[in-house]
Amino acid sequence: MPKFKIFSDIHVHPWTAFAKITKSGLNSRLAEIVGVLKKIIEAAHEESCDAILFSGDLFHVPKTDAVTMDLVARALRRSEIPIVMIPGNHDEAEKMAHYHTMRSLHGLAKCIVLDDREGRSVEISGTKIGGIPFTSSNRDFYRCLARLQDSDLVLAHTGFAGATAGFDYIADQKHFVQPHRMKLEDTRIKLVIAGHFHQPQMMSPENGYDSRKIVDEESVRKFKEGSILVPGAPVQHNYGDIGSLRGSWTLDLERKSLKFIPSHCPNFVRLQFRPKELGTFERLSSGNYVACKVSQEGDFQAACEVLREKAKGFTVTVEKDVEAENKGRPRIRLGMSSKKVLKKYIKKTIPPNHSVAGLLKTGMKLLREAESSD
């Protein structure tokens, strides 16, 4: 049975935070991420994989600049094995997905892009691989999945109810795809490989599709048929990714096993500078993007001196009284709907003797007056 290299959500982009211009004139963050892409392709060849599978969000913005497109195309051309891809929501030029930034890569060297909303498929080494590009309609997703029931593997780009969306992301879980409604036990599908969420995790039928976040670099994991793997992003993009494992996966379909391969690239970390723990501070900041807090003005310069030498990029701020700063703010929990979040903020800020409905009515009236005055 064949072996596949898996990754997702790389979001190639000239990110501005901590970026520098290299000697060759490139954005350093862009060059860094493209370097990770090249290493994943090289690893797939070294491990004798039959193909590389990618589950969407190759780019970060639909209007991708020429430099980014050129670097990605040149990296993909390095592959001597097929690269099967689907577009994610960040790859779309418009919501119908007839046009997207990844379309131009189809047919480039070994690239195969599955799109058209219908969920097309391809067979590689006796393994049928189906693809469901991003869709905001769960009904469309289920319809596409029904057409791919005879696939061995399915690439998807969507959010699953019960999965961890992110550390700073408020998700209305009831509107996500429900794993039980997919009825994978009635299909031939051995594994769904899902992009969209950046935290690596596994959802298995044996535990009722309760998400298990992957927080360690355990070498090999077995999976049950009908499982959902969220491979996560192979790089950290911002401080919302702190503490999240990053890498790619090697899938052995015969052994029903997954091997996690960590990426060696800068991480985002938040640190407190303490002179008595200087060794630990230097180790954790080494080669990373650091947001550092100091408890007093006198430590500011000392922290900067260490970070200039060790960190890839950094900011230093004097610590504030967080409890006092957050006093009176509404408490927002992961999983709350946007409607509930809005209501909480409104109720905390409305003047006495005013109702939420009254404020909304007044606000809409003012907006209409402003619009008509133009």
Protein backbone atom coordinates (compact mmCIF):
# COMPACT_ATOMS: atom_id res chain seq x y z
CA MET A 1 0.00 0.00 0.00
CA PRO A 2 1.21 3.54 -0.75
CA LYS A 3 2.66 6.15 1.56
CA PHE A 4 1.72 9.84 1.56
CA LYS A 5 3.16 13.08 2.91
CA ILE A 6 0.42 15.29 4.40
CA PHE A 7 0.27 18.97 5.35
CA SER A 8 -2.12 21.92 5.25
CA ASP A 9 -2.64 25.66 5.90
CA ILE A 10 0.87 26.90 5.17
CA HIS A 11 -0.43 30.42 4.25
CA VAL A 12 2.54 31.53 2.15
CA HIS A 13 2.65 35.32 2.40
CA PRO A 14 5.08 38.23 2.88
CA TRP A 15 4.08 38.69 6.53
CA THR A 16 5.12 42.09 7.87
CA ALA A 17 5.54 41.37 11.60
CA PHE A 18 9.27 40.93 12.34
CA ALA A 19 10.06 40.75 8.62
CA LYS A 20 13.33 42.02 7.16
CA ILE A 21 14.54 42.36 3.61
CA THR A 22 17.12 39.71 2.74
CA LYS A 23 20.24 40.29 0.63
CA SER A 24 18.35 38.92 -2.38
CA GLY A 25 15.56 41.47 -1.82
CA LEU A 26 12.96 39.05 -0.37
CA ASN A 27 10.73 39.43 2.65
CA SER A 28 12.43 37.23 5.29
CA ARG A 29 9.16 35.75 6.60
CA LEU A 30 8.11 34.84 3.04
CA ALA A 31 11.49 33.18 2.37
CA GLU A 32 11.18 31.32 5.68
CA ILE A 33 7.77 29.81 4.88
CA VAL A 34 8.78 28.87 1.33
CA GLY A 35 11.81 27.16 2.89
CA VAL A 36 9.46 25.01 5.00
CA LEU A 37 7.49 24.11 1.86
CA LYS A 38 10.71 22.98 0.13
CA LYS A 39 11.72 20.87 3.15
CA ILE A 40 8.35 19.10 3.21
CA ILE A 41 8.74 18.22 -0.48
CA GLU A 42 12.32 17.02 0.09
CA ALA A 43 11.22 14.89 3.07
CA ALA A 44 8.49 13.26 0.94
CA HIS A 45 11.15 12.14 -1.54
CA GLU A 46 13.54 10.95 1.17
CA GLU A 47 10.74 8.85 2.72
CA SER A 48 9.82 7.39 -0.71
CA CYS A 49 6.25 8.70 -0.54
CA ASP A 50 3.94 8.05 -3.50
CA ALA A 51 2.39 11.53 -3.34
CA ILE A 52 2.06 14.72 -1.32
CA LEU A 53 -1.45 15.67 -0.13
CA PHE A 54 -2.35 19.27 0.75
CA SER A 55 -5.67 20.32 2.34
CA GLY A 56 -5.99 23.99 1.42
CA ASP A 57 -4.83 27.55 2.22
CA LEU A 58 -1.62 27.46 0.25
CA PHE A 59 -1.72 31.26 0.11
CA HIS A 60 -2.87 33.75 2.73
CA VAL A 61 -4.68 36.23 0.49
CA PRO A 62 -6.59 35.61 -2.78
CA LYS A 63 -4.80 38.48 -4.54
CA THR A 64 -1.39 36.87 -4.28
CA ASP A 65 1.55 38.99 -5.41
CA ALA A 66 3.82 37.88 -8.26
CA VAL A 67 6.88 37.25 -6.04
CA THR A 68 4.94 34.91 -3.74
CA MET A 69 3.38 33.05 -6.66
CA ASP A 70 6.77 32.69 -8.36
CA LEU A 71 8.49 31.31 -5.24
CA VAL A 72 5.70 28.80 -4.60
CA ALA A 73 5.63 27.64 -8.23
CA ARG A 74 9.39 27.10 -8.22
CA ALA A 75 9.20 25.16 -4.95
CA LEU A 76 6.41 22.91 -6.26
CA ARG A 77 8.34 22.21 -9.46
CA ARG A 78 10.99 20.50 -7.34
CA SER A 79 8.64 17.57 -6.75
CA GLU A 80 9.06 14.41 -8.80
CA ILE A 81 5.96 12.85 -7.22
CA PRO A 82 2.33 14.04 -7.55
CA ILE A 83 1.16 16.88 -5.31
CA VAL A 84 -2.62 16.66 -4.85
CA MET A 85 -4.18 19.90 -3.55
CA ILE A 86 -7.52 21.54 -2.86
CA PRO A 87 -8.20 25.30 -2.45
CA GLY A 88 -9.06 26.66 0.98
CA ASN A 89 -11.03 29.78 1.87
CA HIS A 90 -7.85 31.91 1.76
CA ASP A 91 -7.11 30.67 -1.78
CA GLU A 92 -10.44 31.77 -3.21
CA ALA A 93 -10.76 34.71 -5.56
CA GLU A 94 -14.53 34.63 -5.18
CA LYS A 95 -16.97 32.51 -3.23
CA MET A 96 -18.24 30.35 -6.09
CA ALA A 97 -14.66 29.02 -6.41
CA HIS A 98 -14.77 28.90 -10.20
CA TYR A 99 -11.59 30.96 -9.96
CA HIS A 100 -8.97 30.74 -7.25
CA THR A 101 -5.25 31.34 -6.85
CA MET A 102 -4.40 27.63 -6.96
CA ARG A 103 -6.07 26.98 -10.31
CA SER A 104 -3.02 28.20 -12.24
CA LEU A 105 -0.91 25.55 -10.50
CA HIS A 106 -2.97 22.63 -11.89
CA GLY A 107 -0.80 20.83 -14.40
CA LEU A 108 2.38 22.58 -13.24
CA ALA A 109 4.98 19.83 -13.04
CA LYS A 110 3.31 17.18 -10.81
CA CYS A 111 0.53 19.38 -9.37
CA ILE A 112 -3.07 18.15 -9.34
CA VAL A 113 -5.68 20.62 -8.04
CA LEU A 114 -9.09 19.15 -7.18
CA ASP A 115 -11.87 21.76 -7.34
CA ASP A 116 -15.22 22.55 -9.05
CA ARG A 117 -17.24 22.23 -5.83
CA GLU A 118 -18.35 18.79 -7.06
CA GLY A 119 -15.42 17.12 -5.35
CA ARG A 120 -13.27 15.58 -8.03
CA SER A 121 -10.90 12.66 -7.44
CA VAL A 122 -7.66 11.12 -8.68
CA GLU A 123 -6.14 7.66 -8.31
CA ILE A 124 -2.51 7.27 -7.25
CA SER A 125 -0.86 3.88 -6.74
CA GLY A 126 -4.25 2.18 -6.40
CA THR A 127 -5.53 4.73 -3.86
CA LYS A 128 -8.50 6.90 -4.79
CA ILE A 129 -8.19 10.43 -3.39
CA GLY A 130 -11.19 12.77 -3.37
CA GLY A 131 -11.21 16.50 -2.77
CA ILE A 132 -13.79 18.89 -1.31
CA PRO A 133 -12.65 22.53 -1.62
CA PHE A 134 -13.79 25.05 0.97
CA THR A 135 -17.49 25.76 0.98
CA SER A 136 -19.44 27.87 3.46
CA SER A 137 -22.46 25.58 2.94
CA ASN A 138 -22.59 22.39 5.03
CA ARG A 139 -25.26 21.08 2.66
CA ASP A 140 -22.82 21.38 -0.26
CA PHE A 141 -20.15 19.64 1.81
CA TYR A 142 -22.38 16.64 2.61
CA ARG A 143 -23.48 16.48 -1.05
CA CYS A 144 -19.85 16.41 -2.26
CA LEU A 145 -18.94 13.80 0.34
CA ALA A 146 -21.78 11.55 -0.86
CA ARG A 147 -20.22 11.56 -4.35
CA LEU A 148 -16.86 10.48 -2.90
CA GLN A 149 -18.00 7.46 -0.87
CA ASP A 150 -15.80 5.11 -2.89
CA SER A 151 -12.65 7.12 -2.12
CA ASP A 152 -9.92 5.80 0.17
CA LEU A 153 -8.86 9.28 1.30
CA VAL A 154 -10.73 12.59 1.20
CA LEU A 155 -9.11 16.03 1.38
CA ALA A 156 -11.40 18.69 2.84
CA HIS A 157 -11.15 22.28 3.98
CA THR A 158 -13.82 22.93 6.59
CA GLY A 159 -14.47 23.31 10.30
CA PHE A 160 -15.71 20.31 12.29
CA ALA A 161 -17.93 20.63 15.36
CA GLY A 162 -16.00 19.63 18.46
CA ALA A 163 -12.60 20.45 17.00
CA THR A 164 -10.34 23.13 18.47
CA ALA A 165 -10.55 26.11 16.15
CA GLY A 166 -7.69 28.07 17.70
CA PHE A 167 -6.50 29.80 20.83
CA ASP A 168 -8.01 33.22 20.04
CA TYR A 169 -10.89 32.24 17.77
CA ILE A 170 -14.55 32.44 18.85
CA ALA A 171 -16.30 29.64 16.99
CA ASP A 172 -20.01 28.96 16.68
CA GLN A 173 -19.64 25.17 16.68
CA LYS A 174 -23.25 24.38 15.80
CA HIS A 175 -22.71 25.78 12.30
CA PHE A 176 -19.70 23.55 11.60
CA VAL A 177 -19.83 20.18 9.83
CA GLN A 178 -21.10 17.49 12.22
CA PRO A 179 -18.85 14.36 12.03
CA HIS A 180 -21.75 12.02 12.84
CA ARG A 181 -23.75 13.33 9.88
CA MET A 182 -20.93 12.30 7.53
CA LYS A 183 -21.68 8.60 8.23
CA LEU A 184 -18.14 7.57 7.33
CA GLU A 185 -18.82 4.04 8.61
CA ASP A 186 -21.08 3.51 5.56
CA THR A 187 -18.34 4.50 3.10
CA ARG A 188 -15.00 3.17 1.91
CA ILE A 189 -13.24 6.27 3.27
CA LYS A 190 -10.36 5.37 5.57
CA LEU A 191 -9.30 8.89 6.51
CA VAL A 192 -10.54 12.45 6.03
CA ILE A 193 -7.64 14.95 5.96
CA ALA A 194 -9.07 18.33 6.90
CA GLY A 195 -7.49 21.75 6.59
CA HIS A 196 -8.85 25.05 8.01
CA PHE A 197 -7.97 24.71 11.71
CA HIS A 198 -4.29 25.17 12.57
CA GLN A 199 -4.07 23.09 15.75
CA PRO A 200 -3.07 19.46 14.94
CA GLN A 201 -5.74 17.06 16.20
CA MET A 202 -7.44 13.74 15.54
CA MET A 203 -11.16 12.92 15.64
CA SER A 204 -11.87 9.21 15.80
CA PRO A 205 -15.12 7.17 15.64
CA GLU A 206 -13.97 5.06 18.59
CA ASN A 207 -14.29 8.06 20.96
CA GLY A 208 -17.37 9.58 19.34
CA TYR A 209 -15.32 12.06 17.28
CA ASP A 210 -14.24 13.87 20.40
CA SER A 211 -11.23 15.92 19.29
CA ARG A 212 -7.83 14.94 20.68
CA LYS A 213 -5.32 17.76 20.34
CA ILE A 214 -1.84 16.61 19.41
CA VAL A 215 0.59 18.32 21.76
CA ASP A 216 3.62 16.01 21.67
CA GLU A 217 5.95 14.66 19.02
CA GLU A 218 5.08 10.98 19.52
CA SER A 219 6.65 9.18 16.57
CA VAL A 220 3.82 6.95 15.25
CA ARG A 221 0.05 6.98 15.84
CA LYS A 222 -2.42 4.33 14.75
CA PHE A 223 -5.85 5.41 13.50
CA LYS A 224 -9.21 3.73 13.01
CA GLU A 225 -10.90 3.78 9.60
CA GLY A 226 -13.37 6.63 9.32
CA SER A 227 -11.19 9.02 11.38
CA ILE A 228 -10.63 12.72 10.70
CA LEU A 229 -7.10 14.11 10.84
CA VAL A 230 -6.60 17.85 11.13
CA PRO A 231 -2.88 18.05 10.23
CA GLY A 232 -2.60 21.68 11.34
CA ALA A 233 -0.30 24.31 9.89
CA PRO A 234 3.40 23.45 9.37
CA VAL A 235 4.48 26.89 10.68
CA GLN A 236 3.34 29.31 13.37
CA HIS A 237 2.01 32.55 11.88
CA ASN A 238 1.32 34.78 14.89
CA TYR A 239 0.94 34.88 18.67
CA GLY A 240 -2.41 33.09 18.42
CA ASP A 241 -0.38 29.96 17.59
CA ILE A 242 1.67 29.94 20.80
CA GLY A 243 2.23 26.45 22.16
CA SER A 244 0.80 24.72 19.11
CA LEU A 245 2.80 21.89 17.54
CA ARG A 246 3.82 22.50 13.92
CA GLY A 247 4.89 20.03 11.23
CA SER A 248 3.80 17.57 8.53
CA TRP A 249 2.67 13.94 8.55
CA THR A 250 3.60 10.69 6.86
CA LEU A 251 0.63 8.38 6.25
CA ASP A 252 1.18 4.64 5.84
CA LEU A 253 -2.16 3.34 4.60
CA GLU A 254 -1.26 -0.35 4.94
CA ARG A 255 -0.30 -0.06 8.61
CA LYS A 256 -3.01 2.57 9.27
CA SER A 257 -0.38 4.72 10.92
CA LEU A 258 0.55 8.39 10.99
CA LYS A 259 4.00 9.74 11.79
CA PHE A 260 4.36 13.37 12.82
CA ILE A 261 7.44 15.21 11.52
CA PRO A 262 8.05 18.53 13.37
CA SER A 263 9.03 21.62 11.39
CA HIS A 264 12.23 23.36 12.42
CA CYS A 265 11.23 27.00 12.09
CA PRO A 266 10.77 30.00 14.40
CA ASN A 267 7.89 29.90 16.88
CA PHE A 268 6.00 32.74 18.54
CA VAL A 269 6.53 32.89 22.31
CA ARG A 270 5.56 35.19 25.18
CA LEU A 271 8.16 35.46 27.94
CA GLN A 272 8.67 37.22 31.24
CA PHE A 273 12.22 38.51 31.73
CA ARG A 274 13.61 37.48 35.10
CA PRO A 275 17.38 38.07 35.68
CA LYS A 276 17.53 35.04 38.01
CA GLU A 277 16.27 32.77 35.19
CA LEU A 278 18.49 34.15 32.44
CA GLY A 279 19.52 30.74 31.08
CA THR A 280 15.93 29.62 30.56
CA PHE A 281 15.04 32.99 29.03
CA GLU A 282 17.91 32.73 26.51
CA ARG A 283 16.99 29.16 25.57
CA LEU A 284 13.29 29.87 25.00
CA SER A 285 13.94 33.05 23.02
CA SER A 286 16.66 31.56 20.81
CA GLY A 287 15.64 31.66 17.15
CA ASN A 288 12.02 32.62 17.95
CA TYR A 289 9.72 35.64 17.65
CA VAL A 290 9.36 36.93 21.19
CA ALA A 291 6.87 39.17 22.97
CA CYS A 292 8.64 39.96 26.21
CA LYS A 293 7.34 41.59 29.38
CA VAL A 294 9.53 43.13 32.07
CA SER A 295 8.28 43.90 35.56
CA GLN A 296 10.27 47.12 35.96
CA GLU A 297 11.87 49.77 33.78
CA GLY A 298 15.37 48.77 34.88
CA ASP A 299 15.05 45.34 33.23
CA PHE A 300 14.01 46.79 29.88
CA GLN A 301 17.51 47.34 28.48
CA ALA A 302 18.83 44.03 29.83
CA ALA A 303 16.03 42.10 28.10
CA CYS A 304 16.63 43.95 24.82
CA GLU A 305 20.35 43.08 24.87
CA VAL A 306 19.63 39.36 25.22
CA LEU A 307 16.89 39.36 22.59
CA ARG A 308 18.97 41.26 20.02
CA GLU A 309 21.47 38.42 20.19
CA LYS A 310 19.14 35.43 20.55
CA ALA A 311 15.69 36.17 19.10
CA LYS A 312 14.64 36.21 15.46
CA GLY A 313 12.46 39.24 16.26
CA PHE A 314 11.11 40.75 19.46
CA THR A 315 9.07 43.37 21.30
CA VAL A 316 9.59 44.37 24.93
CA THR A 317 6.96 46.03 27.12
CA VAL A 318 6.71 46.91 30.80
CA GLU A 319 4.20 44.62 32.47
CA LYS A 320 0.77 46.04 33.20
CA ASP A 321 -1.73 45.08 35.85
CA VAL A 322 -3.78 42.69 33.68
CA GLU A 323 -6.49 42.11 36.28
CA ALA A 324 -7.13 45.84 36.66
CA GLU A 325 -7.04 46.29 32.88
CA ASN A 326 -9.64 43.56 32.30
CA LYS A 327 -11.92 44.58 35.17
CA GLY A 328 -15.44 45.17 33.93
CA ARG A 329 -14.87 43.57 30.53
CA PRO A 330 -17.38 40.91 29.48
CA ARG A 331 -16.05 37.35 29.72
CA ILE A 332 -15.97 35.61 26.34
CA ARG A 333 -15.65 31.83 26.13
CA LEU A 334 -14.50 29.62 23.27
CA GLY A 335 -17.57 28.23 21.51
CA MET A 336 -19.83 31.27 22.04
CA SER A 337 -21.76 32.40 18.99
CA SER A 338 -21.14 35.84 17.49
CA LYS A 339 -24.67 36.81 18.56
CA LYS A 340 -23.95 36.01 22.21
CA VAL A 341 -20.63 37.84 22.10
CA LEU A 342 -22.30 40.96 20.69
CA LYS A 343 -25.06 40.83 23.32
CA LYS A 344 -22.53 40.57 26.12
CA TYR A 345 -20.64 43.63 24.92
CA ILE A 346 -23.85 45.62 24.43
CA LYS A 347 -25.19 44.78 27.88
CA LYS A 348 -21.91 45.85 29.48
CA THR A 349 -21.84 49.21 27.72
CA ILE A 350 -25.48 50.40 27.35
CA PRO A 351 -26.44 53.45 29.44
CA PRO A 352 -28.88 52.96 32.37
CA ASN A 353 -32.60 52.78 31.48
CA HIS A 354 -31.82 51.83 27.85
CA SER A 355 -32.71 48.52 26.22
CA VAL A 356 -30.64 46.58 23.67
CA ALA A 357 -33.57 46.69 21.21
CA GLY A 358 -33.91 50.45 21.64
CA LEU A 359 -30.22 51.06 21.04
CA LEU A 360 -30.24 48.90 17.91
CA LYS A 361 -33.30 50.74 16.59
CA THR A 362 -31.68 54.14 17.25
CA GLY A 363 -28.40 52.97 15.69
CA MET A 364 -30.09 51.76 12.51
CA LYS A 365 -32.00 55.05 12.24
CA LEU A 366 -28.76 57.04 12.51
CA LEU A 367 -27.07 54.84 9.90
CA ARG A 368 -29.94 55.34 7.46
CA GLU A 369 -29.83 59.12 8.02
CA ALA A 370 -26.08 59.17 7.42
CA GLU A 371 -26.49 57.12 4.24
CA SER A 372 -29.23 59.39 2.84
CA SER A 373 -27.19 62.53 3.59
CA ASP A 374 -24.45 61.39 1.19
